[in-house]
Amino acid sequence: MPNRRILRLTGKDTDSFLQGLITNDVQRLDDRLVYAALLTPQGKYLADFFLKRDDVSVLLDVAEDLADGLVKRLTMYKLRADVSIEDTELNLQRGTGPAPDGALPDPRHPDLGWRAYSQTPESDDDTDWDAIRVRHCIPETSIELTPDSYILEAGFEALNGLDFKKGCYVGQEVTARMKHKTELRKGLRVVEISDTAPVGTEIQSNGKPVGTVFTQSNGKAIAYLRLDRAQGDMQAGEAIVRLSS
């Protein structure tokens, strides 16, 4: 169970403040969880998180190791906006079985079940989350998602993590240009792997670097690949790697 911090944003400018910063549309919050990211002006990943409407406030569910930096960055952008950001005593519960009252579906993929927030200690139902993530190529904070990530290469469009119609946000120009004016030459893909390899192991083909292997489960893995070189059998340490069919 990853450590998460649940923040609360309040103030009359909360929605407009978030709308001008994050990759997804805050107007979707009225009936669902929203998955989104905050980017650098150069379009690179800073943090990913979930947002939930909670009466007149918005809850923000983020990995603990990114929380302080995210609060600092949001505070920098706040200027004179009527927005307050504070910690809560809420914790994350998640699972793939029967959902409790107040739970909402994980917006990234139906197989990821539900998420709920309460003062009950963090919990899940022993779901094999890595197996689900690998099967559907779903990146995880601080594993596949790093400060070098571009969210289109990380599959955020398929994960319902960005909206190309919502208007401007930080990093929007770079993201839109990658979407409409270039063909992605790198990205996350599911690969078959013959043996385990440490997360971060370089993948090579004919002695040339091709990418990096990350989360592994049941003979498959999420890998970040240079797509023009990702052909045939590749090597990650002692393991043989090839694109999954």
C-alpha atoms as a PDB file:
ATOM      1  CA  MET A   1       0.000   0.000   0.000  1.00  0.00           C
ATOM      2  CA  PRO A   2       1.714   3.227  -1.087  1.00  0.00           C
ATOM      3  CA  ASN A   3       1.691   6.107   1.382  1.00  0.00           C
ATOM      4  CA  ARG A   4      -0.650   8.843   0.238  1.00  0.00           C
ATOM      5  CA  ARG A   5      -1.392  12.305   1.627  1.00  0.00           C
ATOM      6  CA  ILE A   6      -4.874  13.742   1.310  1.00  0.00           C
ATOM      7  CA  LEU A   7      -4.904  17.530   1.020  1.00  0.00           C
ATOM      8  CA  ARG A   8      -7.900  19.853   1.087  1.00  0.00           C
ATOM      9  CA  LEU A   9      -8.238  22.942  -1.126  1.00  0.00           C
ATOM     10  CA  THR A  10     -10.822  25.511  -0.115  1.00  0.00           C
ATOM     11  CA  GLY A  11     -11.774  29.025  -1.216  1.00  0.00           C
ATOM     12  CA  LYS A  12     -13.970  30.568  -3.882  1.00  0.00           C
ATOM     13  CA  ASP A  13     -11.192  30.465  -6.496  1.00  0.00           C
ATOM     14  CA  THR A  14     -10.314  26.780  -6.034  1.00  0.00           C
ATOM     15  CA  ASP A  15     -11.860  25.509  -9.273  1.00  0.00           C
ATOM     16  CA  SER A  16     -10.513  28.281 -11.493  1.00  0.00           C
ATOM     17  CA  PHE A  17      -7.100  28.023  -9.822  1.00  0.00           C
ATOM     18  CA  LEU A  18      -6.817  24.297 -10.539  1.00  0.00           C
ATOM     19  CA  GLN A  19      -8.305  24.641 -14.014  1.00  0.00           C
ATOM     20  CA  GLY A  20      -5.473  26.925 -15.081  1.00  0.00           C
ATOM     21  CA  LEU A  21      -2.760  24.597 -13.790  1.00  0.00           C
ATOM     22  CA  ILE A  22      -3.539  20.907 -14.198  1.00  0.00           C
ATOM     23  CA  THR A  23      -3.887  18.607 -17.203  1.00  0.00           C
ATOM     24  CA  ASN A  24      -7.532  17.617 -16.723  1.00  0.00           C
ATOM     25  CA  ASP A  25     -10.901  19.380 -16.602  1.00  0.00           C
ATOM     26  CA  VAL A  26     -12.013  20.374 -13.100  1.00  0.00           C
ATOM     27  CA  GLN A  27     -15.621  20.623 -14.319  1.00  0.00           C
ATOM     28  CA  ARG A  28     -15.738  16.809 -14.294  1.00  0.00           C
ATOM     29  CA  LEU A  29     -15.444  16.754 -10.502  1.00  0.00           C
ATOM     30  CA  ASP A  30     -19.152  16.947  -9.758  1.00  0.00           C
ATOM     31  CA  ASP A  31     -19.786  13.219 -10.159  1.00  0.00           C
ATOM     32  CA  ARG A  32     -16.443  11.423 -10.321  1.00  0.00           C
ATOM     33  CA  LEU A  33     -12.792  11.252  -9.362  1.00  0.00           C
ATOM     34  CA  VAL A  34     -10.515  13.153 -11.708  1.00  0.00           C
ATOM     35  CA  TYR A  35      -6.987  11.927 -12.418  1.00  0.00           C
ATOM     36  CA  ALA A  36      -4.565  14.674 -13.451  1.00  0.00           C
ATOM     37  CA  ALA A  37      -0.989  15.904 -13.339  1.00  0.00           C
ATOM     38  CA  LEU A  38       0.910  19.107 -12.755  1.00  0.00           C
ATOM     39  CA  LEU A  39       3.671  19.744 -15.282  1.00  0.00           C
ATOM     40  CA  THR A  40       6.628  22.042 -15.611  1.00  0.00           C
ATOM     41  CA  PRO A  41       6.366  24.877 -18.167  1.00  0.00           C
ATOM     42  CA  GLN A  42       8.526  22.637 -20.385  1.00  0.00           C
ATOM     43  CA  GLY A  43       5.831  19.933 -20.283  1.00  0.00           C
ATOM     44  CA  LYS A  44       7.597  17.486 -17.961  1.00  0.00           C
ATOM     45  CA  TYR A  45       5.962  15.644 -15.094  1.00  0.00           C
ATOM     46  CA  LEU A  46       5.979  17.083 -11.585  1.00  0.00           C
ATOM     47  CA  ALA A  47       3.219  15.118  -9.838  1.00  0.00           C
ATOM     48  CA  ASP A  48       0.125  13.051 -10.568  1.00  0.00           C
ATOM     49  CA  PHE A  49      -2.886  12.939  -8.255  1.00  0.00           C
ATOM     50  CA  PHE A  50      -6.606  12.355  -7.871  1.00  0.00           C
ATOM     51  CA  LEU A  51      -9.169  15.074  -7.163  1.00  0.00           C
ATOM     52  CA  LYS A  52     -12.540  14.630  -5.455  1.00  0.00           C
ATOM     53  CA  ARG A  53     -15.298  17.144  -4.791  1.00  0.00           C
ATOM     54  CA  ASP A  54     -16.066  17.272  -1.056  1.00  0.00           C
ATOM     55  CA  ASP A  55     -18.924  19.687  -0.433  1.00  0.00           C
ATOM     56  CA  VAL A  56     -17.419  23.160  -1.003  1.00  0.00           C
ATOM     57  CA  SER A  57     -13.807  21.943  -1.023  1.00  0.00           C
ATOM     58  CA  VAL A  58     -11.677  19.696  -3.232  1.00  0.00           C
ATOM     59  CA  LEU A  59      -9.674  16.767  -1.879  1.00  0.00           C
ATOM     60  CA  LEU A  60      -6.310  16.063  -3.522  1.00  0.00           C
ATOM     61  CA  ASP A  61      -4.853  12.549  -3.181  1.00  0.00           C
ATOM     62  CA  VAL A  62      -1.094  12.497  -3.895  1.00  0.00           C
ATOM     63  CA  ALA A  63       1.885  10.266  -3.090  1.00  0.00           C
ATOM     64  CA  GLU A  64       3.449  11.211   0.238  1.00  0.00           C
ATOM     65  CA  ASP A  65       6.923  11.702  -1.228  1.00  0.00           C
ATOM     66  CA  LEU A  66       5.595  14.286  -3.715  1.00  0.00           C
ATOM     67  CA  ALA A  67       3.208  16.092  -1.386  1.00  0.00           C
ATOM     68  CA  ASP A  68       5.536  18.745   0.046  1.00  0.00           C
ATOM     69  CA  GLY A  69       6.885  19.691  -3.361  1.00  0.00           C
ATOM     70  CA  LEU A  70       3.387  19.845  -4.826  1.00  0.00           C
ATOM     71  CA  VAL A  71       2.128  22.101  -2.033  1.00  0.00           C
ATOM     72  CA  LYS A  72       5.132  24.370  -2.526  1.00  0.00           C
ATOM     73  CA  ARG A  73       4.517  24.591  -6.271  1.00  0.00           C
ATOM     74  CA  LEU A  74       0.774  25.222  -5.876  1.00  0.00           C
ATOM     75  CA  THR A  75       1.472  27.905  -3.287  1.00  0.00           C
ATOM     76  CA  MET A  76       3.888  29.573  -5.690  1.00  0.00           C
ATOM     77  CA  TYR A  77       1.155  29.746  -8.334  1.00  0.00           C
ATOM     78  CA  LYS A  78      -1.557  30.854  -5.902  1.00  0.00           C
ATOM     79  CA  LEU A  79      -0.570  34.539  -5.753  1.00  0.00           C
ATOM     80  CA  ARG A  80      -3.726  36.427  -4.681  1.00  0.00           C
ATOM     81  CA  ALA A  81      -6.225  33.672  -5.489  1.00  0.00           C
ATOM     82  CA  ASP A  82      -8.682  32.822  -2.705  1.00  0.00           C
ATOM     83  CA  VAL A  83      -7.381  29.283  -2.176  1.00  0.00           C
ATOM     84  CA  SER A  84      -6.170  27.571   0.985  1.00  0.00           C
ATOM     85  CA  ILE A  85      -4.231  24.287   0.975  1.00  0.00           C
ATOM     86  CA  GLU A  86      -4.097  22.209   4.139  1.00  0.00           C
ATOM     87  CA  ASP A  87      -3.471  18.663   5.293  1.00  0.00           C
ATOM     88  CA  THR A  88      -6.355  16.465   6.385  1.00  0.00           C
ATOM     89  CA  GLU A  89      -6.606  13.458   8.682  1.00  0.00           C
ATOM     90  CA  LEU A  90      -8.185  11.439   5.883  1.00  0.00           C
ATOM     91  CA  ASN A  91      -6.677   8.216   4.549  1.00  0.00           C
ATOM     92  CA  LEU A  92      -7.032   6.268   1.324  1.00  0.00           C
ATOM     93  CA  GLN A  93      -8.948   3.010   1.121  1.00  0.00           C
ATOM     94  CA  ARG A  94      -8.978   1.153  -2.189  1.00  0.00           C
ATOM     95  CA  GLY A  95      -9.954  -2.207  -3.586  1.00  0.00           C
ATOM     96  CA  THR A  96     -11.438  -4.178  -6.452  1.00  0.00           C
ATOM     97  CA  GLY A  97     -14.207  -5.935  -4.504  1.00  0.00           C
ATOM     98  CA  PRO A  98     -17.526  -4.491  -3.307  1.00  0.00           C
ATOM     99  CA  ALA A  99     -17.206  -0.725  -2.926  1.00  0.00           C
ATOM    100  CA  PRO A 100     -18.145   0.972   0.366  1.00  0.00           C
ATOM    101  CA  ASP A 101     -20.468   3.954   0.585  1.00  0.00           C
ATOM    102  CA  GLY A 102     -18.809   7.066  -0.771  1.00  0.00           C
ATOM    103  CA  ALA A 103     -16.271   5.215  -2.917  1.00  0.00           C
ATOM    104  CA  LEU A 104     -15.744   6.278  -6.523  1.00  0.00           C
ATOM    105  CA  PRO A 105     -14.285   4.323  -9.463  1.00  0.00           C
ATOM    106  CA  ASP A 106     -10.604   4.791 -10.224  1.00  0.00           C
ATOM    107  CA  PRO A 107     -10.760   6.815 -13.455  1.00  0.00           C
ATOM    108  CA  ARG A 108      -7.613   5.316 -14.980  1.00  0.00           C
ATOM    109  CA  HIS A 109      -9.029   1.857 -15.738  1.00  0.00           C
ATOM    110  CA  PRO A 110     -12.042  -0.227 -14.600  1.00  0.00           C
ATOM    111  CA  ASP A 111      -9.762  -3.029 -13.363  1.00  0.00           C
ATOM    112  CA  LEU A 112      -8.288  -0.644 -10.765  1.00  0.00           C
ATOM    113  CA  GLY A 113     -11.524  -0.740  -8.785  1.00  0.00           C
ATOM    114  CA  TRP A 114     -12.459   2.063  -6.403  1.00  0.00           C
ATOM    115  CA  ARG A 115     -10.956   4.649  -4.086  1.00  0.00           C
ATOM    116  CA  ALA A 116     -12.493   6.103  -0.909  1.00  0.00           C
ATOM    117  CA  TYR A 117     -11.364   8.540   1.784  1.00  0.00           C
ATOM    118  CA  SER A 118     -12.073   8.451   5.520  1.00  0.00           C
ATOM    119  CA  GLN A 119     -10.329   8.634   8.897  1.00  0.00           C
ATOM    120  CA  THR A 120     -10.003   4.836   8.874  1.00  0.00           C
ATOM    121  CA  PRO A 121      -6.339   3.781   8.468  1.00  0.00           C
ATOM    122  CA  GLU A 122      -5.089   3.235   4.914  1.00  0.00           C
ATOM    123  CA  SER A 123      -6.224  -0.124   3.563  1.00  0.00           C
ATOM    124  CA  ASP A 124      -6.804  -2.224   0.488  1.00  0.00           C
ATOM    125  CA  ASP A 125      -8.167  -5.719  -0.168  1.00  0.00           C
ATOM    126  CA  ASP A 126      -4.919  -7.493  -1.107  1.00  0.00           C
ATOM    127  CA  THR A 127      -5.410  -6.903  -4.826  1.00  0.00           C
ATOM    128  CA  ASP A 128      -2.286  -7.575  -6.888  1.00  0.00           C
ATOM    129  CA  TRP A 129      -1.964  -3.980  -8.088  1.00  0.00           C
ATOM    130  CA  ASP A 130       1.312  -4.555  -9.933  1.00  0.00           C
ATOM    131  CA  ALA A 131      -0.277  -7.313 -12.011  1.00  0.00           C
ATOM    132  CA  ILE A 132      -3.106  -4.977 -13.029  1.00  0.00           C
ATOM    133  CA  ARG A 133      -0.734  -2.121 -13.808  1.00  0.00           C
ATOM    134  CA  VAL A 134       1.556  -4.267 -15.917  1.00  0.00           C
ATOM    135  CA  ARG A 135      -1.338  -5.857 -17.805  1.00  0.00           C
ATOM    136  CA  HIS A 136      -2.708  -2.452 -18.793  1.00  0.00           C
ATOM    137  CA  CYS A 137       0.564  -0.442 -18.895  1.00  0.00           C
ATOM    138  CA  ILE A 138      -0.454   1.896 -16.056  1.00  0.00           C
ATOM    139  CA  PRO A 139       2.506   3.874 -14.661  1.00  0.00           C
ATOM    140  CA  GLU A 140       3.067   4.432 -10.950  1.00  0.00           C
ATOM    141  CA  THR A 141       4.306   7.553  -9.188  1.00  0.00           C
ATOM    142  CA  SER A 142       8.104   7.561  -8.708  1.00  0.00           C
ATOM    143  CA  ILE A 143       8.536   4.264 -10.585  1.00  0.00           C
ATOM    144  CA  GLU A 144       7.554   4.786 -14.217  1.00  0.00           C
ATOM    145  CA  LEU A 145       6.613   8.428 -13.584  1.00  0.00           C
ATOM    146  CA  THR A 146       9.712  10.537 -12.933  1.00  0.00           C
ATOM    147  CA  PRO A 147      10.830  14.149 -13.478  1.00  0.00           C
ATOM    148  CA  ASP A 148      12.005  13.080 -16.962  1.00  0.00           C
ATOM    149  CA  SER A 149       8.540  11.863 -18.002  1.00  0.00           C
ATOM    150  CA  TYR A 150       6.320  13.391 -20.648  1.00  0.00           C
ATOM    151  CA  ILE A 151       2.742  12.431 -19.896  1.00  0.00           C
ATOM    152  CA  LEU A 152       1.844  11.458 -23.469  1.00  0.00           C
ATOM    153  CA  GLU A 153       4.762   9.024 -23.508  1.00  0.00           C
ATOM    154  CA  ALA A 154       3.428   7.710 -20.178  1.00  0.00           C
ATOM    155  CA  GLY A 155      -0.012   7.013 -21.648  1.00  0.00           C
ATOM    156  CA  PHE A 156      -2.004   9.671 -19.803  1.00  0.00           C
ATOM    157  CA  GLU A 157      -4.474  10.067 -22.660  1.00  0.00           C
ATOM    158  CA  ALA A 158      -5.570   6.428 -22.365  1.00  0.00           C
ATOM    159  CA  LEU A 159      -5.674   6.804 -18.565  1.00  0.00           C
ATOM    160  CA  ASN A 160      -8.156   9.698 -18.748  1.00  0.00           C
ATOM    161  CA  GLY A 161      -5.517  11.956 -17.227  1.00  0.00           C
ATOM    162  CA  LEU A 162      -5.706  14.925 -19.578  1.00  0.00           C
ATOM    163  CA  ASP A 163      -8.200  16.887 -21.618  1.00  0.00           C
ATOM    164  CA  PHE A 164      -7.218  18.502 -24.907  1.00  0.00           C
ATOM    165  CA  LYS A 165     -10.350  20.703 -24.985  1.00  0.00           C
ATOM    166  CA  LYS A 166     -10.175  22.312 -21.527  1.00  0.00           C
ATOM    167  CA  GLY A 167      -7.919  25.229 -22.440  1.00  0.00           C
ATOM    168  CA  CYS A 168      -4.561  26.356 -21.158  1.00  0.00           C
ATOM    169  CA  TYR A 169      -2.619  24.829 -18.274  1.00  0.00           C
ATOM    170  CA  VAL A 170       1.035  24.726 -17.296  1.00  0.00           C
ATOM    171  CA  GLY A 171       2.945  22.714 -19.928  1.00  0.00           C
ATOM    172  CA  GLN A 172      -0.040  22.654 -22.308  1.00  0.00           C
ATOM    173  CA  GLU A 173       1.820  23.983 -25.348  1.00  0.00           C
ATOM    174  CA  VAL A 174       4.460  21.249 -25.280  1.00  0.00           C
ATOM    175  CA  THR A 175       1.859  18.545 -24.646  1.00  0.00           C
ATOM    176  CA  ALA A 176      -0.375  19.749 -27.474  1.00  0.00           C
ATOM    177  CA  ARG A 177       2.576  19.948 -29.868  1.00  0.00           C
ATOM    178  CA  MET A 178       3.562  16.372 -29.034  1.00  0.00           C
ATOM    179  CA  LYS A 179      -0.021  15.281 -29.682  1.00  0.00           C
ATOM    180  CA  HIS A 180      -0.634  17.057 -32.967  1.00  0.00           C
ATOM    181  CA  LYS A 181       2.709  17.780 -34.621  1.00  0.00           C
ATOM    182  CA  THR A 182       4.991  14.868 -33.872  1.00  0.00           C
ATOM    183  CA  GLU A 183       4.918  11.082 -33.826  1.00  0.00           C
ATOM    184  CA  LEU A 184       5.946   9.754 -30.437  1.00  0.00           C
ATOM    185  CA  ARG A 185       9.296   8.029 -30.754  1.00  0.00           C
ATOM    186  CA  LYS A 186       9.484   6.914 -27.128  1.00  0.00           C
ATOM    187  CA  GLY A 187       6.956   5.641 -24.638  1.00  0.00           C
ATOM    188  CA  LEU A 188       5.835   3.065 -22.101  1.00  0.00           C
ATOM    189  CA  ARG A 189       4.961  -0.364 -23.466  1.00  0.00           C
ATOM    190  CA  VAL A 190       4.221  -3.821 -22.064  1.00  0.00           C
ATOM    191  CA  VAL A 191       7.015  -6.305 -22.768  1.00  0.00           C
ATOM    192  CA  GLU A 192       7.546  -9.987 -22.152  1.00  0.00           C
ATOM    193  CA  ILE A 193      10.528 -10.672 -19.906  1.00  0.00           C
ATOM    194  CA  SER A 194      12.220 -14.053 -19.419  1.00  0.00           C
ATOM    195  CA  ASP A 195      13.554 -13.349 -15.914  1.00  0.00           C
ATOM    196  CA  THR A 196      13.376 -10.647 -13.280  1.00  0.00           C
ATOM    197  CA  ALA A 197      15.591  -7.583 -13.563  1.00  0.00           C
ATOM    198  CA  PRO A 198      16.066  -4.725 -11.090  1.00  0.00           C
ATOM    199  CA  VAL A 199      13.781  -1.782 -11.732  1.00  0.00           C
ATOM    200  CA  GLY A 200      15.770   0.721 -13.784  1.00  0.00           C
ATOM    201  CA  THR A 201      17.802  -1.901 -15.666  1.00  0.00           C
ATOM    202  CA  GLU A 202      18.804  -0.678 -19.125  1.00  0.00           C
ATOM    203  CA  ILE A 203      17.394  -2.555 -22.112  1.00  0.00           C
ATOM    204  CA  GLN A 204      19.776  -3.054 -25.014  1.00  0.00           C
ATOM    205  CA  SER A 205      19.481  -4.325 -28.578  1.00  0.00           C
ATOM    206  CA  ASN A 206      22.603  -5.195 -30.561  1.00  0.00           C
ATOM    207  CA  GLY A 207      24.657  -3.355 -27.970  1.00  0.00           C
ATOM    208  CA  LYS A 208      22.640  -0.135 -28.285  1.00  0.00           C
ATOM    209  CA  PRO A 209      20.450   1.309 -25.505  1.00  0.00           C
ATOM    210  CA  VAL A 210      16.752   0.855 -26.202  1.00  0.00           C
ATOM    211  CA  GLY A 211      15.109   1.791 -22.935  1.00  0.00           C
ATOM    212  CA  THR A 212      14.534   0.845 -19.310  1.00  0.00           C
ATOM    213  CA  VAL A 213      12.572  -1.911 -17.583  1.00  0.00           C
ATOM    214  CA  PHE A 214      10.320  -1.072 -14.618  1.00  0.00           C
ATOM    215  CA  THR A 215       7.505  -2.936 -12.823  1.00  0.00           C
ATOM    216  CA  GLN A 216       7.346  -6.682 -13.527  1.00  0.00           C
ATOM    217  CA  SER A 217       4.649  -9.283 -12.957  1.00  0.00           C
ATOM    218  CA  ASN A 218       3.859 -12.756 -14.293  1.00  0.00           C
ATOM    219  CA  GLY A 219       6.501 -12.738 -17.011  1.00  0.00           C
ATOM    220  CA  LYS A 220       5.662  -9.274 -18.284  1.00  0.00           C
ATOM    221  CA  ALA A 221       6.882  -5.768 -17.482  1.00  0.00           C
ATOM    222  CA  ILE A 222       6.316  -2.098 -18.126  1.00  0.00           C
ATOM    223  CA  ALA A 223       9.233  -0.699 -20.111  1.00  0.00           C
ATOM    224  CA  TYR A 224      10.114   2.726 -21.422  1.00  0.00           C
ATOM    225  CA  LEU A 225      11.347   2.190 -24.969  1.00  0.00           C
ATOM    226  CA  ARG A 226      12.847   3.995 -27.902  1.00  0.00           C
ATOM    227  CA  LEU A 227      10.280   2.609 -30.307  1.00  0.00           C
ATOM    228  CA  ASP A 228      12.394   2.636 -33.474  1.00  0.00           C
ATOM    229  CA  ARG A 229      14.901   0.277 -31.831  1.00  0.00           C
ATOM    230  CA  ALA A 230      12.455  -1.954 -29.915  1.00  0.00           C
ATOM    231  CA  GLN A 231      12.473  -4.955 -32.233  1.00  0.00           C
ATOM    232  CA  GLY A 232      13.040  -8.658 -31.748  1.00  0.00           C
ATOM    233  CA  ASP A 233      14.861 -10.033 -28.717  1.00  0.00           C
ATOM    234  CA  MET A 234      16.380  -7.391 -26.431  1.00  0.00           C
ATOM    235  CA  GLN A 235      18.459  -7.735 -23.266  1.00  0.00           C
ATOM    236  CA  ALA A 236      17.857  -6.364 -19.745  1.00  0.00           C
ATOM    237  CA  GLY A 237      20.657  -7.701 -17.590  1.00  0.00           C
ATOM    238  CA  GLU A 238      20.328 -11.489 -17.844  1.00  0.00           C
ATOM    239  CA  ALA A 239      16.719 -11.302 -19.015  1.00  0.00           C
ATOM    240  CA  ILE A 240      15.448 -11.474 -22.585  1.00  0.00           C
ATOM    241  CA  VAL A 241      12.867  -8.794 -23.402  1.00  0.00           C
ATOM    242  CA  ARG A 242      10.535  -8.481 -26.360  1.00  0.00           C
ATOM    243  CA  LEU A 243       7.435  -6.417 -27.111  1.00  0.00           C
ATOM    244  CA  SER A 244       4.278  -8.111 -25.898  1.00  0.00           C
ATOM    245  CA  SER A 245       1.880  -9.147 -28.644  1.00  0.00           C
END
